[in-house]
Protein backbone atom coordinates (compact mmCIF):
# COMPACT_ATOMS: atom_id res chain seq x y z
CA MET A 1 10.92 -0.91 11.24
CA LYS A 2 11.42 2.26 9.22
CA LEU A 3 8.97 3.19 6.47
CA GLU A 4 9.63 6.13 4.16
CA GLY A 5 8.94 7.25 0.62
CA GLU A 6 7.33 9.84 -1.61
CA TYR A 7 4.47 10.17 -4.08
CA LEU A 8 3.64 12.82 -6.70
CA PHE A 9 -0.06 13.77 -6.79
CA ASN A 10 -1.69 15.21 -9.91
CA GLY A 11 -3.35 18.13 -8.18
CA PRO A 12 -2.74 21.27 -6.08
CA ARG A 13 -1.58 21.03 -2.47
CA ASP A 14 -4.78 22.44 -0.92
CA ASP A 15 -6.86 19.75 -2.64
CA VAL A 16 -4.44 17.00 -1.57
CA TRP A 17 -4.63 18.23 2.02
CA ARG A 18 -8.42 18.10 2.05
CA LEU A 19 -8.28 14.63 0.54
CA ILE A 20 -6.00 13.09 3.16
CA ARG A 21 -8.15 14.61 5.92
CA ASP A 22 -11.37 13.10 4.51
CA PRO A 23 -12.13 9.74 6.21
CA ASP A 24 -14.78 8.80 3.64
CA VAL A 25 -12.30 9.03 0.76
CA LEU A 26 -9.58 7.25 2.74
CA ALA A 27 -11.93 4.36 3.50
CA THR A 28 -12.73 3.80 -0.19
CA ALA A 29 -9.07 4.10 -1.22
CA LEU A 30 -8.01 1.25 1.06
CA PRO A 31 -9.88 -1.96 0.20
CA GLY A 32 -10.28 -4.14 3.24
CA THR A 33 -11.33 -1.17 5.37
CA GLN A 34 -14.46 -2.26 7.21
CA SER A 35 -15.05 1.04 9.01
CA LEU A 36 -13.43 4.43 9.55
CA THR A 37 -15.16 6.83 11.93
CA ARG A 38 -14.25 10.39 12.89
CA LEU A 39 -14.28 10.76 16.68
CA SER A 40 -13.09 14.36 16.53
CA ASP A 41 -11.20 16.65 14.16
CA THR A 42 -7.96 14.90 15.11
CA GLU A 43 -8.95 11.37 16.14
CA PHE A 44 -10.31 8.45 14.12
CA GLU A 45 -11.07 4.81 14.80
CA GLY A 46 -11.65 1.95 12.39
CA ALA A 47 -11.17 -1.66 11.42
CA MET A 48 -9.35 -3.24 8.48
CA ASN A 49 -8.99 -6.76 7.15
CA LEU A 50 -5.28 -7.34 6.44
CA HIS A 51 -3.50 -10.11 4.52
CA ILE A 52 0.24 -10.34 5.19
CA GLY A 53 1.67 -13.68 4.09
CA PRO A 54 -0.05 -16.47 6.01
CA VAL A 55 -1.45 -14.04 8.56
CA THR A 56 -5.00 -12.86 7.89
CA GLY A 57 -7.33 -11.08 10.26
CA VAL A 58 -9.27 -7.99 11.22
CA PHE A 59 -7.33 -5.32 13.06
CA SER A 60 -9.07 -2.46 14.87
CA GLY A 61 -7.47 0.65 16.25
CA LYS A 62 -7.19 4.42 16.39
CA VAL A 63 -5.32 7.14 14.51
CA LEU A 64 -4.41 10.47 16.09
CA VAL A 65 -3.54 13.52 13.95
CA SER A 66 -1.20 16.05 15.56
CA ASP A 67 1.29 18.83 14.78
CA GLU A 68 -0.86 20.04 11.89
CA VAL A 69 0.41 22.87 9.71
CA PRO A 70 -2.27 23.08 6.96
CA PRO A 71 -1.73 22.44 4.12
CA GLU A 72 1.92 21.58 4.66
CA SER A 73 2.45 18.81 7.22
CA LEU A 74 1.03 16.62 9.96
CA THR A 75 1.98 13.75 12.25
CA LEU A 76 0.02 10.48 12.46
CA THR A 77 0.12 8.23 15.52
CA ALA A 78 -1.63 4.88 15.03
CA GLU A 79 -2.12 1.69 16.99
CA GLY A 80 -4.19 -1.39 16.27
CA LYS A 81 -4.65 -4.95 17.41
CA GLY A 82 -6.43 -8.14 16.45
CA SER A 83 -6.37 -11.86 17.03
CA GLN A 84 -3.21 -12.13 14.89
CA GLY A 85 -1.14 -9.54 16.78
CA PHE A 86 -0.71 -5.82 17.20
CA GLY A 87 0.94 -2.87 15.54
CA LYS A 88 1.70 0.73 16.36
CA GLY A 89 3.61 3.51 14.71
CA VAL A 90 4.29 7.21 14.27
CA GLY A 91 4.64 8.89 10.89
CA ARG A 92 5.32 12.36 9.55
CA VAL A 93 3.73 13.56 6.29
CA GLN A 94 4.79 16.63 4.32
CA LEU A 95 3.28 18.19 1.19
CA GLN A 96 5.21 20.40 -1.21
CA SER A 97 3.77 22.26 -4.20
CA GLN A 98 5.40 21.37 -7.51
CA GLU A 99 5.36 22.80 -11.02
CA GLY A 100 2.45 21.87 -13.24
CA ASN A 101 -0.10 22.09 -10.41
CA LYS A 102 1.23 18.93 -8.76
CA THR A 103 2.01 18.05 -5.14
CA LEU A 104 4.87 15.98 -3.77
CA MET A 105 4.11 13.99 -0.63
CA THR A 106 7.03 12.73 1.44
CA TYR A 107 6.50 10.47 4.43
CA GLU A 108 8.59 8.70 7.03
CA GLY A 109 7.78 6.77 10.15
CA ASP A 110 8.56 3.93 12.51
CA ILE A 111 6.38 0.82 12.88
CA LEU A 112 6.44 -1.83 15.59
CA VAL A 113 4.54 -5.13 15.27
CA GLY A 114 4.10 -8.10 17.59
CA GLY A 115 2.26 -11.39 18.00
CA LYS A 116 1.68 -13.71 15.04
CA LEU A 117 2.01 -10.72 12.73
CA ALA A 118 5.70 -10.47 13.60
CA SER A 119 6.26 -14.14 12.70
CA VAL A 120 6.11 -13.43 8.94
CA GLY A 121 9.42 -11.56 9.20
CA GLN A 122 10.40 -7.91 9.04
CA ARG A 123 11.34 -8.02 5.34
CA ASN A 124 7.91 -9.38 4.34
CA ILE A 125 6.09 -6.89 6.57
CA GLU A 126 8.17 -4.06 5.10
CA THR A 127 7.42 -5.15 1.51
CA VAL A 128 3.68 -5.47 2.14
CA SER A 129 3.56 -2.17 4.05
CA LYS A 130 5.29 -0.29 1.24
CA SER A 131 2.96 -1.87 -1.30
CA LEU A 132 -0.14 -1.01 0.74
CA VAL A 133 1.00 2.62 0.98
CA LYS A 134 1.81 2.79 -2.74
CA GLN A 135 -1.52 1.28 -3.83
CA GLY A 136 -3.46 3.45 -1.38
CA LEU A 137 -1.79 6.67 -2.57
CA ALA A 138 -2.40 5.73 -6.21
CA ALA A 139 -6.10 5.27 -5.41
CA LEU A 140 -6.17 8.64 -3.62
CA ASP A 141 -4.55 10.24 -6.66
CA LYS A 142 -7.36 8.96 -8.89
CA ALA A 143 -9.93 10.34 -6.45
CA LEU A 144 -8.05 13.66 -6.51
CA GLU A 145 -8.08 13.81 -10.32
CA ALA A 146 -11.85 13.25 -10.28
CA ARG A 147 -12.32 16.09 -7.78
CA VAL A 148 -10.11 18.50 -9.71
CA ALA A 149 -11.97 17.67 -12.93
CA ALA A 150 -15.34 18.16 -11.22
CA SER A 151 -14.30 21.60 -9.95
CA ALA A 152 -13.44 22.51 -13.55
CA GLY A 153 -16.86 21.41 -14.75
CA GLU A 154 -15.68 18.12 -16.24
CA ALA A 155 -17.11 14.70 -15.50
CA VAL A 156 -14.47 12.12 -14.59
CA ALA A 157 -15.60 8.83 -13.12
CA TYR A 158 -13.76 7.55 -10.05
CA THR A 159 -14.08 3.86 -9.24
CA PRO A 160 -12.32 2.79 -6.04
CA PRO A 161 -10.12 -0.31 -6.48
CA SER A 162 -11.66 -3.59 -5.41
CA GLU A 163 -10.10 -5.67 -2.66
CA THR A 164 -9.15 -8.28 -5.28
CA GLU A 165 -7.36 -5.72 -7.49
CA PHE A 166 -5.59 -4.36 -4.43
CA ALA A 167 -4.49 -7.85 -3.33
CA ILE A 168 -3.18 -8.72 -6.81
CA ALA A 169 -1.09 -5.54 -6.93
CA VAL A 170 0.38 -6.26 -3.50
CA ALA A 171 1.10 -9.87 -4.50
CA LYS A 172 3.05 -8.64 -7.55
CA ASP A 173 5.17 -6.40 -5.35
CA VAL A 174 5.86 -9.27 -2.96
CA ALA A 175 6.80 -11.55 -5.88
CA GLY A 176 9.14 -8.88 -7.22
CA ASP A 177 10.82 -8.57 -3.84
CA LEU A 178 11.27 -12.34 -3.62
CA LYS A 179 12.87 -12.31 -7.08
CA GLU A 180 15.29 -9.57 -6.01
CA ARG A 181 16.28 -11.59 -2.96
CA ALA A 182 16.77 -14.68 -5.09
CA LEU A 183 18.95 -12.79 -7.56
CA ALA A 184 21.11 -11.58 -4.67
CA SER A 185 21.99 -15.21 -3.92
CA PRO A 186 24.15 -17.33 -6.30
CA TYR A 187 21.86 -20.32 -5.77
CA GLY A 188 18.82 -18.11 -6.24
CA ARG A 189 20.07 -16.90 -9.62
CA ILE A 190 20.63 -20.50 -10.71
CA LEU A 191 17.06 -21.43 -9.76
CA ILE A 192 15.52 -18.43 -11.51
CA TYR A 193 17.19 -19.30 -14.82
CA ALA A 194 17.14 -23.07 -14.45
CA VAL A 195 13.44 -23.53 -13.65
CA PRO A 196 12.17 -21.92 -16.90
CA LEU A 197 14.77 -23.91 -18.87
CA ILE A 198 13.67 -27.18 -17.29
CA PHE A 199 10.04 -26.28 -18.00
CA VAL A 200 10.84 -25.65 -21.69
CA LEU A 201 12.74 -28.96 -21.93
CA ILE A 202 9.77 -30.83 -20.46
CA ILE A 203 7.47 -29.27 -23.09
CA LEU A 204 9.90 -30.19 -25.89
CA VAL A 205 10.14 -33.79 -24.69
CA PHE A 206 6.36 -33.99 -24.58
CA ILE A 207 6.03 -32.61 -28.15
CA LEU A 208 8.71 -34.94 -29.54
CA SER A 209 7.16 -37.97 -27.88
CA ARG A 210 3.79 -37.11 -29.43
CA CYS A 211 5.42 -36.70 -32.86
CA ALA A 212 7.20 -40.05 -32.55
CA ALA A 213 3.92 -41.73 -31.67
């Protein structure tokens, strides 16, 4: 499965680089992370509680950082496993300075999953993975803004997102994807428009029956 995208950070590239190489910040930006330990300058291990469709469980594994060109690019090689399956992947991250003291991150990689985790389907895994990355980068961006403000002598509070807030955001993305798939099907479009109409008719019947009584 291919995973790629981009994100615009509100801060300079050097600060973004330090942020993505800080395991303490990464752990707080990804709710569900139970541990993230630095084994060396380029190797980390940790555990995370993941919810992907009906599959829920703790996955533990390692992440290796290689091909570093600070503060421009790096390669991440990760693998993890748990009672619900396994996953491994390789990703490339690049940072480019932008106008207005901003930084554009582009990323691309390949992910392979197996076990019960693969049973939820590639489309669902892809949707959840993209959402997890998006929510995690947004949390990192808020941490970055707090750091930049602190270096300028300003006090900006940074509150990491809770696991519940994170889960709700991911659920919205999954629901949006399901709606897109439904709209792509003639029968799906009928259901999307018919269900609300039926619901409204039921309410009207209920109101009229109460008035008649």
